[in-house]
Amino acid sequence: MRLLRLWVADGFVKQHRERTPEEVAEEYLMELVHRSLVLVLEVDKLGKAKSFRVHNILHDLILSKMKEMSFC
């Protein structure tokens, strides 16, 4: 939930029709999981994903783009 709220606060997610921004952010996250770009590390007692990890290939791409853009 923390990650989803950060995405909303940073403006990565906008409200769509009758869904809250948090619901849209969760849909985006699940799409990344289904495409194996983000991996689920932990699942809570209810079967909901609790923690995630970015795939190594995607992590390397993110780092190279950050350097290219002088992001950090």
PDB file of N, CA and C in Angstrom:
ATOM      1  N   MET A   1       0.821  -1.188   0.000  1.00  0.00           N
ATOM      2  CA  MET A   1       0.000   0.000   0.000  1.00  0.00           C
ATOM      3  C   MET A   1       0.871   1.261   0.000  1.00  0.00           C
ATOM      4  N   ARG A   2       2.008   1.158   0.672  1.00  0.00           N
ATOM      5  CA  ARG A   2       2.899   2.313   0.743  1.00  0.00           C
ATOM      6  C   ARG A   2       3.392   2.710  -0.653  1.00  0.00           C
ATOM      7  N   LEU A   3       3.803   1.730  -1.431  1.00  0.00           N
ATOM      8  CA  LEU A   3       4.276   1.987  -2.788  1.00  0.00           C
ATOM      9  C   LEU A   3       3.180   2.622  -3.633  1.00  0.00           C
ATOM     10  N   LEU A   4       1.977   2.115  -3.524  1.00  0.00           N
ATOM     11  CA  LEU A   4       0.861   2.644  -4.300  1.00  0.00           C
ATOM     12  C   LEU A   4       0.588   4.097  -3.938  1.00  0.00           C
ATOM     13  N   ARG A   5       0.640   4.401  -2.662  1.00  0.00           N
ATOM     14  CA  ARG A   5       0.419   5.785  -2.215  1.00  0.00           C
ATOM     15  C   ARG A   5       1.531   6.710  -2.688  1.00  0.00           C
ATOM     16  N   LEU A   6       2.755   6.198  -2.723  1.00  0.00           N
ATOM     17  CA  LEU A   6       3.869   7.004  -3.240  1.00  0.00           C
ATOM     18  C   LEU A   6       3.674   7.310  -4.724  1.00  0.00           C
ATOM     19  N   TRP A   7       3.239   6.313  -5.490  1.00  0.00           N
ATOM     20  CA  TRP A   7       2.974   6.526  -6.913  1.00  0.00           C
ATOM     21  C   TRP A   7       1.907   7.607  -7.104  1.00  0.00           C
ATOM     22  N   VAL A   8       0.846   7.543  -6.303  1.00  0.00           N
ATOM     23  CA  VAL A   8      -0.231   8.531  -6.405  1.00  0.00           C
ATOM     24  C   VAL A   8       0.284   9.915  -6.009  1.00  0.00           C
ATOM     25  N   ALA A   9       1.024   9.988  -4.909  1.00  0.00           N
ATOM     26  CA  ALA A   9       1.546  11.275  -4.426  1.00  0.00           C
ATOM     27  C   ALA A   9       2.515  11.903  -5.424  1.00  0.00           C
ATOM     28  N   ASP A  10       3.290  11.083  -6.110  1.00  0.00           N
ATOM     29  CA  ASP A  10       4.252  11.586  -7.097  1.00  0.00           C
ATOM     30  C   ASP A  10       3.604  11.901  -8.442  1.00  0.00           C
ATOM     31  N   GLY A  11       2.312  11.621  -8.576  1.00  0.00           N
ATOM     32  CA  GLY A  11       1.596  11.960  -9.800  1.00  0.00           C
ATOM     33  C   GLY A  11       1.728  10.942 -10.914  1.00  0.00           C
ATOM     34  N   PHE A  12       2.196   9.741 -10.599  1.00  0.00           N
ATOM     35  CA  PHE A  12       2.317   8.693 -11.617  1.00  0.00           C
ATOM     36  C   PHE A  12       0.965   8.086 -11.979  1.00  0.00           C
ATOM     37  N   VAL A  13      -0.012   8.257 -11.091  1.00  0.00           N
ATOM     38  CA  VAL A  13      -1.320   7.626 -11.273  1.00  0.00           C
ATOM     39  C   VAL A  13      -2.404   8.691 -11.150  1.00  0.00           C
ATOM     40  N   LYS A  14      -3.335   8.668 -12.060  1.00  0.00           N
ATOM     41  CA  LYS A  14      -4.482   9.574 -12.026  1.00  0.00           C
ATOM     42  C   LYS A  14      -5.755   8.760 -11.823  1.00  0.00           C
ATOM     43  N   GLN A  15      -6.778   9.416 -11.307  1.00  0.00           N
ATOM     44  CA  GLN A  15      -8.054   8.731 -11.091  1.00  0.00           C
ATOM     45  C   GLN A  15      -8.706   8.417 -12.432  1.00  0.00           C
ATOM     46  N   HIS A  16      -9.250   7.208 -12.562  1.00  0.00           N
ATOM     47  CA  HIS A  16      -9.939   6.769 -13.763  1.00  0.00           C
ATOM     48  C   HIS A  16     -11.390   6.486 -13.422  1.00  0.00           C
ATOM     49  N   ARG A  17     -12.287   7.217 -14.020  1.00  0.00           N
ATOM     50  CA  ARG A  17     -13.733   7.024 -13.880  1.00  0.00           C
ATOM     51  C   ARG A  17     -14.152   6.852 -12.427  1.00  0.00           C
ATOM     52  N   GLU A  18     -14.614   5.668 -12.075  1.00  0.00           N
ATOM     53  CA  GLU A  18     -15.168   5.451 -10.734  1.00  0.00           C
ATOM     54  C   GLU A  18     -14.195   4.756  -9.787  1.00  0.00           C
ATOM     55  N   ARG A  19     -12.954   4.574 -10.214  1.00  0.00           N
ATOM     56  CA  ARG A  19     -11.965   3.910  -9.358  1.00  0.00           C
ATOM     57  C   ARG A  19     -11.080   4.957  -8.688  1.00  0.00           C
ATOM     58  N   THR A  20     -10.611   4.633  -7.492  1.00  0.00           N
ATOM     59  CA  THR A  20      -9.711   5.532  -6.786  1.00  0.00           C
ATOM     60  C   THR A  20      -8.317   5.430  -7.403  1.00  0.00           C
ATOM     61  N   PRO A  21      -7.475   6.434  -7.191  1.00  0.00           N
ATOM     62  CA  PRO A  21      -6.103   6.343  -7.697  1.00  0.00           C
ATOM     63  C   PRO A  21      -5.349   5.140  -7.135  1.00  0.00           C
ATOM     64  N   GLU A  22      -5.632   4.771  -5.888  1.00  0.00           N
ATOM     65  CA  GLU A  22      -4.977   3.606  -5.291  1.00  0.00           C
ATOM     66  C   GLU A  22      -5.364   2.315  -6.012  1.00  0.00           C
ATOM     67  N   GLU A  23      -6.619   2.200  -6.421  1.00  0.00           N
ATOM     68  CA  GLU A  23      -7.067   1.020  -7.168  1.00  0.00           C
ATOM     69  C   GLU A  23      -6.395   0.959  -8.537  1.00  0.00           C
ATOM     70  N   VAL A  24      -6.255   2.104  -9.168  1.00  0.00           N
ATOM     71  CA  VAL A  24      -5.586   2.161 -10.471  1.00  0.00           C
ATOM     72  C   VAL A  24      -4.108   1.801 -10.307  1.00  0.00           C
ATOM     73  N   ALA A  25      -3.464   2.322  -9.252  1.00  0.00           N
ATOM     74  CA  ALA A  25      -2.056   2.015  -8.992  1.00  0.00           C
ATOM     75  C   ALA A  25      -1.859   0.519  -8.747  1.00  0.00           C
ATOM     76  N   GLU A  26      -2.788  -0.103  -8.016  1.00  0.00           N
ATOM     77  CA  GLU A  26      -2.697  -1.546  -7.772  1.00  0.00           C
ATOM     78  C   GLU A  26      -2.831  -2.320  -9.084  1.00  0.00           C
ATOM     79  N   GLU A  27      -3.698  -1.849  -9.969  1.00  0.00           N
ATOM     80  CA  GLU A  27      -3.850  -2.484 -11.277  1.00  0.00           C
ATOM     81  C   GLU A  27      -2.541  -2.378 -12.071  1.00  0.00           C
ATOM     82  N   TYR A  28      -1.898  -1.203 -12.033  1.00  0.00           N
ATOM     83  CA  TYR A  28      -0.611  -1.027 -12.710  1.00  0.00           C
ATOM     84  C   TYR A  28       0.437  -1.982 -12.142  1.00  0.00           C
ATOM     85  N   LEU A  29       0.494  -2.083 -10.813  1.00  0.00           N
ATOM     86  CA  LEU A  29       1.472  -2.951 -10.170  1.00  0.00           C
ATOM     87  C   LEU A  29       1.239  -4.414 -10.550  1.00  0.00           C
ATOM     88  N   MET A  30      -0.004  -4.840 -10.556  1.00  0.00           N
ATOM     89  CA  MET A  30      -0.306  -6.226 -10.920  1.00  0.00           C
ATOM     90  C   MET A  30       0.039  -6.498 -12.382  1.00  0.00           C
ATOM     91  N   GLU A  31      -0.112  -5.502 -13.234  1.00  0.00           N
ATOM     92  CA  GLU A  31       0.284  -5.666 -14.639  1.00  0.00           C
ATOM     93  C   GLU A  31       1.793  -5.870 -14.740  1.00  0.00           C
ATOM     94  N   LEU A  32       2.561  -5.127 -13.953  1.00  0.00           N
ATOM     95  CA  LEU A  32       4.015  -5.309 -13.934  1.00  0.00           C
ATOM     96  C   LEU A  32       4.392  -6.696 -13.422  1.00  0.00           C
ATOM     97  N   VAL A  33       3.647  -7.187 -12.426  1.00  0.00           N
ATOM     98  CA  VAL A  33       3.889  -8.532 -11.888  1.00  0.00           C
ATOM     99  C   VAL A  33       3.567  -9.582 -12.957  1.00  0.00           C
ATOM    100  N   HIS A  34       2.451  -9.433 -13.640  1.00  0.00           N
ATOM    101  CA  HIS A  34       2.056 -10.402 -14.665  1.00  0.00           C
ATOM    102  C   HIS A  34       3.047 -10.434 -15.832  1.00  0.00           C
ATOM    103  N   ARG A  35       3.706  -9.322 -16.080  1.00  0.00           N
ATOM    104  CA  ARG A  35       4.707  -9.263 -17.157  1.00  0.00           C
ATOM    105  C   ARG A  35       6.100  -9.648 -16.665  1.00  0.00           C
ATOM    106  N   SER A  36       6.199 -10.036 -15.398  1.00  0.00           N
ATOM    107  CA  SER A  36       7.452 -10.472 -14.757  1.00  0.00           C
ATOM    108  C   SER A  36       8.515  -9.378 -14.712  1.00  0.00           C
ATOM    109  N   LEU A  37       8.076  -8.122 -14.705  1.00  0.00           N
ATOM    110  CA  LEU A  37       9.022  -7.009 -14.548  1.00  0.00           C
ATOM    111  C   LEU A  37       9.236  -6.699 -13.071  1.00  0.00           C
ATOM    112  N   VAL A  38       8.220  -7.000 -12.273  1.00  0.00           N
ATOM    113  CA  VAL A  38       8.293  -6.867 -10.822  1.00  0.00           C
ATOM    114  C   VAL A  38       7.967  -8.240 -10.255  1.00  0.00           C
ATOM    115  N   LEU A  39       8.782  -8.683  -9.300  1.00  0.00           N
ATOM    116  CA  LEU A  39       8.607 -10.016  -8.712  1.00  0.00           C
ATOM    117  C   LEU A  39       8.046  -9.901  -7.297  1.00  0.00           C
ATOM    118  N   VAL A  40       7.118 -10.771  -6.947  1.00  0.00           N
ATOM    119  CA  VAL A  40       6.542 -10.805  -5.602  1.00  0.00           C
ATOM    120  C   VAL A  40       7.501 -11.565  -4.703  1.00  0.00           C
ATOM    121  N   LEU A  41       7.891 -10.944  -3.576  1.00  0.00           N
ATOM    122  CA  LEU A  41       8.795 -11.596  -2.622  1.00  0.00           C
ATOM    123  C   LEU A  41       8.044 -12.230  -1.462  1.00  0.00           C
ATOM    124  N   GLU A  42       7.034 -11.526  -0.943  1.00  0.00           N
ATOM    125  CA  GLU A  42       6.284 -12.011   0.210  1.00  0.00           C
ATOM    126  C   GLU A  42       4.793 -11.890  -0.054  1.00  0.00           C
ATOM    127  N   VAL A  43       4.043 -12.811   0.523  1.00  0.00           N
ATOM    128  CA  VAL A  43       2.590 -12.791   0.449  1.00  0.00           C
ATOM    129  C   VAL A  43       2.068 -12.833   1.876  1.00  0.00           C
ATOM    130  N   ASP A  44       1.038 -12.016   2.181  1.00  0.00           N
ATOM    131  CA  ASP A  44       0.494 -12.013   3.538  1.00  0.00           C
ATOM    132  C   ASP A  44      -0.439 -13.202   3.762  1.00  0.00           C
ATOM    133  N   LYS A  45      -1.034 -13.280   4.938  1.00  0.00           N
ATOM    134  CA  LYS A  45      -1.896 -14.416   5.302  1.00  0.00           C
ATOM    135  C   LYS A  45      -3.138 -14.519   4.425  1.00  0.00           C
ATOM    136  N   LEU A  46      -3.549 -13.399   3.857  1.00  0.00           N
ATOM    137  CA  LEU A  46      -4.744 -13.393   3.007  1.00  0.00           C
ATOM    138  C   LEU A  46      -4.419 -13.681   1.547  1.00  0.00           C
ATOM    139  N   GLY A  47      -3.152 -13.907   1.252  1.00  0.00           N
ATOM    140  CA  GLY A  47      -2.741 -14.210  -0.110  1.00  0.00           C
ATOM    141  C   GLY A  47      -2.450 -12.986  -0.958  1.00  0.00           C
ATOM    142  N   LYS A  48      -2.396 -11.830  -0.328  1.00  0.00           N
ATOM    143  CA  LYS A  48      -2.129 -10.584  -1.048  1.00  0.00           C
ATOM    144  C   LYS A  48      -0.625 -10.304  -1.019  1.00  0.00           C
ATOM    145  N   ALA A  49      -0.087  -9.834  -2.137  1.00  0.00           N
ATOM    146  CA  ALA A  49       1.348  -9.544  -2.217  1.00  0.00           C
ATOM    147  C   ALA A  49       1.726  -8.480  -1.199  1.00  0.00           C
ATOM    148  N   LYS A  50       2.811  -8.730  -0.487  1.00  0.00           N
ATOM    149  CA  LYS A  50       3.236  -7.833   0.594  1.00  0.00           C
ATOM    150  C   LYS A  50       4.503  -7.063   0.226  1.00  0.00           C
ATOM    151  N   SER A  51       5.453  -7.721  -0.432  1.00  0.00           N
ATOM    152  CA  SER A  51       6.677  -7.028  -0.839  1.00  0.00           C
ATOM    153  C   SER A  51       7.087  -7.489  -2.233  1.00  0.00           C
ATOM    154  N   PHE A  52       7.832  -6.606  -2.898  1.00  0.00           N
ATOM    155  CA  PHE A  52       8.175  -6.816  -4.301  1.00  0.00           C
ATOM    156  C   PHE A  52       9.655  -6.535  -4.535  1.00  0.00           C
ATOM    157  N   ARG A  53      10.109  -6.947  -5.704  1.00  0.00           N
ATOM    158  CA  ARG A  53      11.475  -6.681  -6.138  1.00  0.00           C
ATOM    159  C   ARG A  53      11.439  -6.457  -7.643  1.00  0.00           C
ATOM    160  N   VAL A  54      12.234  -5.517  -8.103  1.00  0.00           N
ATOM    161  CA  VAL A  54      12.332  -5.265  -9.532  1.00  0.00           C
ATOM    162  C   VAL A  54      13.231  -6.336 -10.148  1.00  0.00           C
ATOM    163  N   HIS A  55      12.859  -6.852 -11.303  1.00  0.00           N
ATOM    164  CA  HIS A  55      13.667  -7.846 -12.005  1.00  0.00           C
ATOM    165  C   HIS A  55      15.045  -7.255 -12.302  1.00  0.00           C
ATOM    166  N   ASN A  56      16.083  -8.088 -12.261  1.00  0.00           N
ATOM    167  CA  ASN A  56      17.469  -7.623 -12.445  1.00  0.00           C
ATOM    168  C   ASN A  56      17.679  -6.865 -13.754  1.00  0.00           C
ATOM    169  N   ILE A  57      17.115  -7.358 -14.826  1.00  0.00           N
ATOM    170  CA  ILE A  57      17.283  -6.696 -16.127  1.00  0.00           C
ATOM    171  C   ILE A  57      16.649  -5.312 -16.103  1.00  0.00           C
ATOM    172  N   LEU A  58      15.453  -5.218 -15.530  1.00  0.00           N
ATOM    173  CA  LEU A  58      14.778  -3.933 -15.427  1.00  0.00           C
ATOM    174  C   LEU A  58      15.546  -2.993 -14.502  1.00  0.00           C
ATOM    175  N   HIS A  59      16.102  -3.531 -13.431  1.00  0.00           N
ATOM    176  CA  HIS A  59      16.897  -2.724 -12.494  1.00  0.00           C
ATOM    177  C   HIS A  59      18.090  -2.093 -13.206  1.00  0.00           C
ATOM    178  N   ASP A  60      18.785  -2.872 -14.003  1.00  0.00           N
ATOM    179  CA  ASP A  60      19.928  -2.343 -14.762  1.00  0.00           C
ATOM    180  C   ASP A  60      19.491  -1.255 -15.744  1.00  0.00           C
ATOM    181  N   LEU A  61      18.362  -1.462 -16.393  1.00  0.00           N
ATOM    182  CA  LEU A  61      17.832  -0.464 -17.326  1.00  0.00           C
ATOM    183  C   LEU A  61      17.481   0.833 -16.595  1.00  0.00           C
ATOM    184  N   ILE A  62      16.839   0.709 -15.441  1.00  0.00           N
ATOM    185  CA  ILE A  62      16.477   1.885 -14.641  1.00  0.00           C
ATOM    186  C   ILE A  62      17.727   2.654 -14.240  1.00  0.00           C
ATOM    187  N   LEU A  63      18.743   1.940 -13.773  1.00  0.00           N
ATOM    188  CA  LEU A  63      19.983   2.607 -13.358  1.00  0.00           C
ATOM    189  C   LEU A  63      20.649   3.339 -14.516  1.00  0.00           C
ATOM    190  N   SER A  64      20.680   2.722 -15.686  1.00  0.00           N
ATOM    191  CA  SER A  64      21.320   3.373 -16.831  1.00  0.00           C
ATOM    192  C   SER A  64      20.529   4.613 -17.263  1.00  0.00           C
ATOM    193  N   LYS A  65      19.196   4.536 -17.221  1.00  0.00           N
ATOM    194  CA  LYS A  65      18.373   5.703 -17.565  1.00  0.00           C
ATOM    195  C   LYS A  65      18.556   6.822 -16.545  1.00  0.00           C
ATOM    196  N   MET A  66      18.669   6.469 -15.276  1.00  0.00           N
ATOM    197  CA  MET A  66      18.881   7.471 -14.234  1.00  0.00           C
ATOM    198  C   MET A  66      20.198   8.200 -14.442  1.00  0.00           C
ATOM    199  N   LYS A  67      21.254   7.457 -14.768  1.00  0.00           N
ATOM    200  CA  LYS A  67      22.547   8.064 -15.036  1.00  0.00           C
ATOM    201  C   LYS A  67      22.484   8.968 -16.256  1.00  0.00           C
ATOM    202  N   GLU A  68      21.799   8.494 -17.288  1.00  0.00           N
ATOM    203  CA  GLU A  68      21.637   9.238 -18.532  1.00  0.00           C
ATOM    204  C   GLU A  68      20.923  10.570 -18.291  1.00  0.00           C
ATOM    205  N   MET A  69      19.947  10.554 -17.395  1.00  0.00           N
ATOM    206  CA  MET A  69      19.137  11.743 -17.104  1.00  0.00           C
ATOM    207  C   MET A  69      19.695  12.559 -15.937  1.00  0.00           C
ATOM    208  N   SER A  70      20.804  12.106 -15.328  1.00  0.00           N
ATOM    209  CA  SER A  70      21.369  12.739 -14.125  1.00  0.00           C
ATOM    210  C   SER A  70      20.301  12.871 -13.031  1.00  0.00           C
ATOM    211  N   PHE A  71      19.570  11.789 -12.821  1.00  0.00           N
ATOM    212  CA  PHE A  71      18.452  11.795 -11.891  1.00  0.00           C
ATOM    213  C   PHE A  71      18.895  11.791 -10.432  1.00  0.00           C
ATOM    214  N   CYS A  72      19.888  10.979 -10.108  1.00  0.00           N
ATOM    215  CA  CYS A  72      20.375  10.903  -8.722  1.00  0.00           C
ATOM    216  C   CYS A  72      21.870  10.908  -8.670  1.00  0.00           C
TER     217      CYS A  72
END
